[in-house]
N, C-alpha and C. Protein backbone atom coordinates (compact mmCIF):
# COMPACT_ATOMS: atom_id res chain seq x y z
N MET A 1 30.47 21.61 -11.85
CA MET A 1 30.23 21.86 -10.52
C MET A 1 31.17 22.07 -9.73
N ASN A 2 31.44 22.44 -8.53
CA ASN A 2 32.68 21.91 -7.60
C ASN A 2 32.16 21.22 -6.68
N ASN A 3 32.76 20.64 -5.96
CA ASN A 3 32.92 19.60 -5.25
C ASN A 3 31.92 20.24 -4.01
N ARG A 4 32.10 21.15 -3.46
CA ARG A 4 30.65 22.10 -2.27
C ARG A 4 29.46 21.81 -3.36
N ASN A 5 29.31 21.92 -4.18
CA ASN A 5 27.92 21.94 -5.05
C ASN A 5 27.77 20.50 -5.21
N ILE A 6 28.52 19.66 -5.25
CA ILE A 6 28.07 18.15 -5.13
C ILE A 6 27.60 17.43 -3.79
N LYS A 7 28.50 18.30 -2.52
CA LYS A 7 28.21 18.10 -1.30
C LYS A 7 26.88 18.29 -1.15
N ASN A 8 26.62 19.20 -1.26
CA ASN A 8 25.23 19.91 -1.00
C ASN A 8 24.18 19.22 -1.87
N ILE A 9 24.19 18.98 -3.11
CA ILE A 9 23.06 18.26 -3.79
C ILE A 9 23.01 16.91 -3.24
N SER A 10 24.21 16.27 -3.16
CA SER A 10 24.05 14.41 -2.52
C SER A 10 23.65 14.71 -1.06
N PHE A 11 23.86 16.06 -0.01
CA PHE A 11 23.06 15.84 1.22
C PHE A 11 21.68 15.95 1.03
N TYR A 12 20.81 16.71 0.01
CA TYR A 12 19.46 16.61 0.19
C TYR A 12 19.25 15.73 -0.59
N ILE A 13 19.48 15.10 -1.43
CA ILE A 13 19.12 13.48 -2.15
C ILE A 13 18.94 12.63 -0.65
N ALA A 14 20.12 12.70 -0.44
CA ALA A 14 20.23 11.86 0.69
C ALA A 14 18.66 11.98 1.68
N MET A 15 18.46 13.01 2.17
CA MET A 15 17.69 13.83 3.08
C MET A 15 16.24 13.58 2.67
N LEU A 16 15.82 13.61 1.33
CA LEU A 16 14.68 12.99 0.63
C LEU A 16 14.23 12.18 0.88
N PHE A 17 15.25 10.99 0.42
CA PHE A 17 15.74 9.86 0.38
C PHE A 17 15.08 9.20 1.92
N ILE A 18 15.54 9.49 2.82
CA ILE A 18 15.40 9.23 4.11
C ILE A 18 13.78 9.64 4.48
N VAL A 19 13.53 10.39 4.20
CA VAL A 19 12.14 11.19 4.22
C VAL A 19 10.69 10.11 3.56
N LEU A 20 11.55 9.90 2.13
CA LEU A 20 10.33 8.93 1.68
C LEU A 20 10.19 7.67 2.25
N ILE A 21 11.16 7.35 2.80
CA ILE A 21 11.50 5.66 3.53
C ILE A 21 10.69 5.88 4.81
N ALA A 22 10.87 6.71 5.09
CA ALA A 22 10.11 6.99 7.01
C ALA A 22 8.56 7.05 6.65
N VAL A 23 8.44 8.14 5.16
CA VAL A 23 6.58 7.97 5.03
C VAL A 23 6.01 6.95 4.40
N SER A 24 6.94 6.08 3.59
CA SER A 24 6.58 5.03 3.40
C SER A 24 6.21 3.83 4.63
N MET A 25 6.99 3.80 5.50
CA MET A 25 6.89 3.07 6.65
C MET A 25 6.21 3.49 7.07
N ILE A 26 5.53 4.30 7.75
CA ILE A 26 4.83 5.05 8.31
C ILE A 26 3.20 4.48 7.88
N SER A 27 3.02 5.01 6.32
CA SER A 27 2.04 4.63 5.75
C SER A 27 1.58 3.29 5.57
N MET A 28 2.78 2.24 6.01
CA MET A 28 2.31 0.70 5.75
C MET A 28 2.08 0.03 7.48
N ASN A 29 2.62 0.83 8.39
CA ASN A 29 1.97 0.66 9.91
C ASN A 29 0.58 1.07 10.01
N LEU A 30 0.41 2.11 9.46
CA LEU A 30 -1.18 2.94 9.71
C LEU A 30 -1.89 1.99 8.70
N SER A 31 -1.68 1.36 7.61
CA SER A 31 -2.79 0.55 6.73
C SER A 31 -2.36 -0.63 7.46
N ASN A 32 -1.52 -1.31 8.20
CA ASN A 32 -1.35 -2.66 8.91
C ASN A 32 -2.12 -2.72 10.68
N SER A 33 -2.48 -1.67 10.83
CA SER A 33 -2.88 -1.18 12.61
C SER A 33 -4.42 -2.38 12.49
N SER A 34 -5.20 -2.42 11.49
CA SER A 34 -6.40 -2.86 11.68
C SER A 34 -6.32 -4.13 12.20
N LYS A 35 -7.30 -4.57 13.20
CA LYS A 35 -6.86 -5.68 13.49
C LYS A 35 -7.95 -7.02 13.21
N TYR A 36 -9.02 -6.44 12.06
CA TYR A 36 -9.88 -6.84 12.02
C TYR A 36 -9.55 -8.16 11.28
N THR A 37 -10.28 -9.30 11.38
CA THR A 37 -9.93 -10.46 10.71
C THR A 37 -11.51 -11.17 9.70
N TYR A 38 -10.77 -12.44 9.20
CA TYR A 38 -11.53 -13.15 8.61
C TYR A 38 -12.65 -13.61 8.82
N GLU A 39 -12.60 -14.24 10.35
CA GLU A 39 -13.70 -14.71 11.06
C GLU A 39 -14.61 -13.74 11.61
N GLN A 40 -13.68 -12.15 11.88
CA GLN A 40 -15.04 -11.47 12.28
C GLN A 40 -15.81 -10.81 10.98
N PHE A 41 -15.04 -11.02 9.84
CA PHE A 41 -15.89 -10.49 8.57
C PHE A 41 -16.98 -11.47 8.36
N GLU A 42 -16.85 -12.91 8.85
CA GLU A 42 -18.02 -13.79 8.30
C GLU A 42 -18.72 -13.83 9.62
N ARG A 43 -18.33 -13.58 10.77
CA ARG A 43 -19.67 -13.03 11.50
C ARG A 43 -20.64 -11.90 11.31
N ASP A 44 -19.72 -10.65 11.00
CA ASP A 44 -20.57 -9.81 10.40
C ASP A 44 -21.39 -9.93 9.25
N LEU A 45 -20.98 -10.79 8.49
CA LEU A 45 -21.92 -11.37 7.10
C LEU A 45 -23.10 -11.95 7.72
N GLN A 46 -22.80 -12.87 8.90
CA GLN A 46 -24.08 -13.83 8.90
C GLN A 46 -24.93 -13.00 9.75
N ALA A 47 -24.41 -11.89 10.40
CA ALA A 47 -25.38 -11.09 11.54
C ALA A 47 -26.37 -9.82 10.52
N ARG A 48 -25.26 -9.58 9.07
CA ARG A 48 -26.00 -8.95 8.34
C ARG A 48 -25.54 -7.30 8.82
N ASN A 49 -24.49 -7.06 9.24
CA ASN A 49 -23.63 -6.08 9.77
C ASN A 49 -23.06 -5.33 8.27
N VAL A 50 -22.99 -6.23 7.64
CA VAL A 50 -22.02 -5.44 6.38
C VAL A 50 -22.63 -4.83 5.27
N LYS A 51 -22.70 -3.42 4.95
CA LYS A 51 -23.64 -2.74 4.28
C LYS A 51 -22.99 -2.59 2.78
N SER A 52 -21.38 -2.94 2.52
CA SER A 52 -21.08 -2.74 0.78
C SER A 52 -19.24 -3.43 1.19
N VAL A 53 -18.71 -3.96 0.32
CA VAL A 53 -17.46 -4.32 0.31
C VAL A 53 -16.98 -4.03 -0.86
N THR A 54 -15.49 -3.10 -0.93
CA THR A 54 -14.89 -3.23 -1.98
C THR A 54 -13.74 -3.99 -2.26
N ILE A 55 -13.36 -4.77 -3.12
CA ILE A 55 -12.78 -5.98 -3.23
C ILE A 55 -11.28 -4.84 -3.99
N LEU A 56 -9.99 -5.07 -3.61
CA LEU A 56 -9.09 -4.45 -4.20
C LEU A 56 -7.98 -5.73 -4.49
N GLY A 57 -8.22 -6.08 -5.92
CA GLY A 57 -7.12 -7.08 -5.99
C GLY A 57 -5.93 -6.84 -6.09
N ASN A 58 -4.75 -7.91 -6.24
CA ASN A 58 -3.58 -7.71 -6.82
C ASN A 58 -3.25 -7.74 -7.81
N GLU A 59 -2.51 -7.78 -8.32
CA GLU A 59 -1.75 -8.22 -9.39
C GLU A 59 -1.55 -9.73 -9.49
N GLU A 60 -0.91 -9.87 -8.07
CA GLU A 60 -0.89 -11.45 -8.08
C GLU A 60 -2.00 -11.93 -7.61
N VAL A 61 -2.88 -12.74 -8.52
CA VAL A 61 -4.10 -13.38 -8.56
C VAL A 61 -4.05 -14.63 -7.76
N PRO A 62 -4.80 -15.03 -6.76
CA PRO A 62 -6.09 -14.54 -6.31
C PRO A 62 -6.19 -13.49 -4.96
N THR A 63 -4.92 -12.88 -4.53
CA THR A 63 -4.71 -12.25 -3.54
C THR A 63 -5.35 -10.71 -3.35
N GLY A 64 -5.42 -10.32 -2.70
CA GLY A 64 -5.92 -8.87 -2.70
C GLY A 64 -6.75 -8.56 -1.13
N LYS A 65 -7.57 -7.29 -1.32
CA LYS A 65 -7.70 -6.45 0.03
C LYS A 65 -9.35 -6.02 -0.16
N LEU A 66 -9.73 -6.70 1.21
CA LEU A 66 -10.98 -5.85 1.19
C LEU A 66 -11.31 -4.43 1.83
N GLN A 67 -12.05 -3.60 1.69
CA GLN A 67 -12.56 -2.52 2.11
C GLN A 67 -13.94 -2.59 2.73
N ILE A 68 -14.45 -3.05 3.83
CA ILE A 68 -15.76 -2.89 3.98
C ILE A 68 -16.32 -1.86 4.88
N GLU A 69 -17.61 -1.77 4.61
CA GLU A 69 -18.36 -0.60 5.38
C GLU A 69 -19.30 -1.36 5.92
N LEU A 70 -19.32 -1.34 6.94
CA LEU A 70 -20.61 -1.44 8.04
C LEU A 70 -21.32 -0.84 8.11
N LEU A 71 -22.65 -1.51 8.85
CA LEU A 71 -24.00 -0.47 8.85
C LEU A 71 -23.93 0.59 9.83
N SER A 72 -22.87 -0.16 10.83
CA SER A 72 -22.58 1.29 11.96
C SER A 72 -21.74 2.54 11.23
N GLY A 73 -21.42 2.46 10.22
CA GLY A 73 -20.90 3.48 9.37
C GLY A 73 -19.12 3.29 9.56
N LYS A 74 -18.71 2.42 10.32
CA LYS A 74 -17.53 1.98 10.36
C LYS A 74 -16.79 1.30 9.03
N ASN A 75 -15.41 1.69 8.92
CA ASN A 75 -14.90 1.41 7.66
C ASN A 75 -14.00 0.56 8.48
N VAL A 76 -13.60 -0.80 7.67
CA VAL A 76 -12.47 -1.58 8.05
C VAL A 76 -12.02 -2.08 7.01
N SER A 77 -10.43 -2.68 7.21
CA SER A 77 -9.89 -3.71 6.24
C SER A 77 -8.74 -4.33 6.42
N PHE A 78 -8.88 -6.03 5.59
CA PHE A 78 -7.67 -6.63 5.86
C PHE A 78 -7.32 -7.41 4.71
N GLU A 79 -6.35 -7.86 4.67
CA GLU A 79 -5.86 -8.48 3.27
C GLU A 79 -6.59 -10.13 3.23
N VAL A 80 -6.85 -10.41 1.70
CA VAL A 80 -7.20 -11.84 1.79
C VAL A 80 -6.65 -12.72 1.18
N SER A 81 -6.55 -13.78 1.08
CA SER A 81 -5.55 -15.14 0.51
C SER A 81 -6.24 -15.51 -1.10
N ASP A 82 -7.51 -15.29 -1.07
CA ASP A 82 -8.49 -15.76 -1.88
C ASP A 82 -9.52 -14.73 -2.32
N VAL A 83 -9.72 -13.83 -3.49
CA VAL A 83 -10.47 -12.85 -3.73
C VAL A 83 -11.67 -13.77 -4.01
N GLU A 84 -11.65 -14.64 -4.87
CA GLU A 84 -12.82 -15.21 -5.59
C GLU A 84 -13.65 -16.20 -4.51
N LYS A 85 -12.99 -16.86 -3.57
CA LYS A 85 -13.80 -17.02 -2.43
C LYS A 85 -14.90 -15.88 -1.66
N VAL A 86 -14.20 -15.24 -1.34
CA VAL A 86 -14.92 -13.96 -0.63
C VAL A 86 -16.03 -13.44 -2.16
N GLN A 87 -15.54 -13.68 -3.07
CA GLN A 87 -16.91 -13.05 -4.28
C GLN A 87 -17.73 -13.98 -4.05
N ASP A 88 -17.59 -15.25 -4.21
CA ASP A 88 -19.13 -16.26 -3.68
C ASP A 88 -19.47 -15.96 -2.39
N LEU A 89 -19.21 -15.85 -1.48
CA LEU A 89 -19.26 -15.72 -0.44
C LEU A 89 -20.07 -14.48 0.03
N LEU A 90 -20.02 -13.22 -0.66
CA LEU A 90 -20.70 -12.04 -0.44
C LEU A 90 -22.09 -11.94 -1.91
N SER A 91 -22.04 -12.94 -2.81
CA SER A 91 -22.84 -13.07 -3.47
C SER A 91 -23.90 -13.80 -2.94
N GLU A 92 -23.62 -15.37 -2.08
CA GLU A 92 -24.48 -16.04 -1.15
C GLU A 92 -25.06 -15.22 -0.31
N GLU A 93 -24.90 -14.23 0.63
CA GLU A 93 -24.86 -13.52 1.22
C GLU A 93 -25.86 -12.04 0.95
N GLU A 94 -25.65 -11.91 -0.62
CA GLU A 94 -26.58 -10.70 -1.38
C GLU A 94 -25.84 -9.73 -0.87
N VAL A 95 -24.60 -9.40 -0.53
CA VAL A 95 -23.92 -8.32 -0.18
C VAL A 95 -23.63 -7.55 -1.34
N PRO A 96 -23.47 -6.22 -1.53
CA PRO A 96 -22.90 -5.36 -2.72
C PRO A 96 -21.65 -5.33 -2.37
N PHE A 97 -20.95 -5.60 -3.83
CA PHE A 97 -19.71 -5.47 -3.57
C PHE A 97 -19.63 -5.34 -4.86
N GLN A 98 -17.78 -4.28 -4.84
CA GLN A 98 -17.51 -4.10 -6.55
C GLN A 98 -15.48 -4.25 -6.52
N TYR A 99 -15.26 -4.43 -7.04
CA TYR A 99 -14.15 -5.14 -7.74
C TYR A 99 -13.44 -4.22 -8.19
N ARG A 100 -11.68 -4.12 -7.84
CA ARG A 100 -11.14 -3.20 -8.80
C ARG A 100 -9.88 -3.71 -8.62
N LEU A 101 -8.69 -3.62 -9.59
CA LEU A 101 -7.40 -4.02 -9.61
C LEU A 101 -6.54 -2.82 -8.78
N ASP A 102 -5.59 -3.37 -7.87
CA ASP A 102 -5.06 -2.34 -7.12
C ASP A 102 -3.55 -2.03 -7.57
N LYS A 103 -3.43 -0.83 -8.37
CA LYS A 103 -2.10 -0.94 -9.05
C LYS A 103 -1.20 -0.27 -7.99
N ASP A 104 0.03 -0.64 -8.22
CA ASP A 104 1.02 0.53 -7.24
C ASP A 104 1.20 1.53 -8.04
N SER A 105 1.19 2.71 -7.01
CA SER A 105 1.22 3.74 -7.92
C SER A 105 2.94 4.17 -8.60
N TRP A 106 2.83 5.00 -9.80
CA TRP A 106 4.22 5.01 -10.30
C TRP A 106 5.34 5.53 -9.31
N LEU A 107 4.92 6.12 -8.61
CA LEU A 107 6.02 7.03 -7.61
C LEU A 107 6.88 6.21 -7.15
N ILE A 108 6.36 5.20 -6.38
CA ILE A 108 6.98 4.05 -5.67
C ILE A 108 7.53 3.28 -7.11
N THR A 109 6.82 2.34 -8.20
CA THR A 109 7.37 1.96 -9.08
C THR A 109 8.53 2.03 -10.20
N THR A 110 8.52 3.69 -10.02
CA THR A 110 9.31 4.13 -10.89
C THR A 110 10.02 5.24 -10.53
N LEU A 111 9.64 6.23 -10.09
CA LEU A 111 10.32 7.23 -9.58
C LEU A 111 11.38 6.87 -8.83
N LEU A 112 10.50 6.95 -7.69
CA LEU A 112 11.73 6.30 -6.23
C LEU A 112 12.86 5.49 -6.95
N PRO A 113 12.95 4.54 -7.32
CA PRO A 113 14.32 3.64 -7.73
C PRO A 113 14.88 4.77 -8.59
N CYS A 114 14.43 5.33 -9.37
CA CYS A 114 15.28 6.50 -10.04
C CYS A 114 16.30 7.37 -10.02
N LEU A 115 15.22 8.02 -8.44
CA LEU A 115 15.82 9.06 -7.77
C LEU A 115 16.80 8.47 -6.78
N ALA A 116 16.24 7.24 -6.40
CA ALA A 116 17.50 6.30 -5.33
C ALA A 116 18.92 6.14 -6.28
N THR A 117 18.77 5.73 -7.55
CA THR A 117 20.05 5.27 -8.18
C THR A 117 20.39 6.30 -8.56
N PHE A 118 20.05 7.81 -9.26
CA PHE A 118 20.53 8.97 -9.21
C PHE A 118 21.26 9.59 -7.59
N GLY A 119 21.08 9.07 -7.11
CA GLY A 119 21.66 9.59 -5.20
C GLY A 119 22.55 8.76 -5.10
N ILE A 120 22.58 7.49 -5.22
CA ILE A 120 23.80 6.95 -5.20
C ILE A 120 24.45 6.97 -6.02
N VAL A 121 24.39 7.29 -7.44
CA VAL A 121 25.46 7.48 -8.35
C VAL A 121 26.20 8.68 -7.82
N LEU A 122 25.62 9.61 -7.39
CA LEU A 122 26.33 10.83 -7.23
C LEU A 122 27.13 11.18 -5.70
N LEU A 123 26.44 10.31 -4.98
CA LEU A 123 27.36 9.83 -3.93
C LEU A 123 28.44 9.01 -4.22
N VAL A 124 28.63 8.12 -5.02
CA VAL A 124 29.62 7.69 -5.28
C VAL A 124 30.49 8.18 -6.14
N PHE A 125 30.31 9.09 -6.98
CA PHE A 125 30.91 10.35 -7.72
C PHE A 125 31.60 11.20 -6.76
N TYR A 126 30.76 11.68 -5.82
CA TYR A 126 31.61 12.77 -4.78
C TYR A 126 32.77 11.65 -3.89
N MET A 127 32.21 10.74 -3.35
CA MET A 127 33.23 10.00 -2.90
C MET A 127 34.84 9.81 -3.73
N PHE A 128 34.35 8.95 -5.16
CA PHE A 128 35.59 8.93 -5.56
C PHE A 128 36.53 10.44 -6.38
N SER A 129 35.69 11.67 -6.19
CA SER A 129 36.34 12.49 -6.92
C SER A 129 36.99 13.29 -5.65
N GLY A 130 37.31 12.74 -4.53
CA GLY A 130 38.23 13.36 -3.80
C GLY A 130 38.10 14.41 -3.51
């Protein structure tokens, strides 16, 4: 491969990396845009406005995320620091819930770091090949 091909490949890898970072940041902002709080959740529970709850447990126990379906049809979510406390509260209020372990995508944990490393190696190689 000549320098021109390496330069083109490096450019496309860098652009792909930038797009992946942008998409990741946008998706994180969208998921954090909900202003639903634990206090609102407790009020909705007491008022019997909660239809069902899905608890997405993190690998770092006991934290997780609640996905709540309200009787109005609205779906809200927020992070909690103690899912066991929430499970007890839901059992007391007799609200149906399910628990799932939320694992990170293999694209983010495996493929993205490999592509980033490969891209950095190519860029360094191109820089030193002069």
